[in-house]
Amino acid sequence: MNVTDYHTAGEPFRIVTEGFPEIRGTTVAERREYAMGSADVDAIRQLLVNEPRGHADMYGGFVVPGNDDGAHLGVLFWHKDGYSTACGHGTIALGTWAVESGRVPAPADGDTEVVIDVPSGRVVARVTCSGGAVDRVAFRNVPSYVDRRGVPVSTSRGEVQADISFGGAYYASVAASSVGLSVTPSNYVDLIAVGREIKWALDSQTVHPTDPRLSGLYGTILYDDLGQGAAGPHQRNVAVFADGEVDRSPCGSGTSARLALLYDEGRIGPGQVLRHESIVGTTFLGRVVEEVAGGVVTEVEGAAYRTGTATFTLDPRDPLGTGFTLR
């Protein structure tokens, strides 16, 4: 099967448009449920995410039809442990790919909207081109909101307080300093360990009010607060999601989840911007663009770059089959 690889702020995204079995359903959410229960579909996910073709922090998606004619495409996001409900860095990569591949026509200069249906709803990627090249992408997410605050969690580093918020998926936000860490590559192993502990402690307690398919805690965001300026807050974070997978980018849906918390705290308002850094120093810019019933609509801006194309095969004689994962 043929794939096109991108990275968004350092986080990989493998785009797959063909070579996988039919994924049935009338909506992207239904197709996700089907894929989760299909051994044939999941074998393709495993083949593309596992070593030796991928790695424990690989990420990608199957391009599928949208829910209706209002969308340019739909996508099923996947990682080493299964299928996620949202993915901001993937949305930025898909918006870039849709324009660069010609799937969605775009002027050489100016903005083009790419409408993408994801399991959590419909998102819109505004792709800005300059001189015929994609310069940046800002996606407008499904509504984000605060779920719970100050949830106590026992960890191997003591009890911490977690704030739960939704940005297309649920995240627990915890100050890295509260577990004696900072968000730096030198603390990578320790950040993963405590992030996993928090995620699994709160996973079953996190229930979506209307759609059980969106329930469960997707990840833990450990953050450093780097101050507050006139333009808005400056923070650094690492998102530890699934079972110990680490986002190299500032995490797109996680940025939306952080914006909901910061708005609720009065830390960000109209016209202000969250400068959100990743553990590797890359940046997303986040804004609250509208207050809606129960939450806020956010916009997250970043850039994605194509890293290559590949054709993957599976030799029926290969004893490793669809591969393996080392963490």
Foldseek 3Di string as FASTA:
>chain_A
DKWFWKFFLRQIEIEAEDDADDQDDLAQLSSQVSCQVDPRRVLVVLLCPFPPNHAQQHKYWYWAAHNDPVALTEIFIAHNQGTAQDFQRNVFVVVQCCDVVVSDDDDQAAWDWHWYAGSLGIKIWIFGHHRNHTDKIKMKFDFKAWDDWQDWAQDPQGIFGWTWMFLSAIETETALVVSPDALAPVCLVVCLRRWQRVQVVCFVVFADPPDRSRGGHFTYKHKDWPDADPQFTEMEIWTQGDRSHIGQFLIRSVVSRVVNVCVVVVRADPRHWYWYAYNVGGTKIKHFDAADVRGTIMMIMTHMDTDDMDDDDADPVDPQRSHHYDD
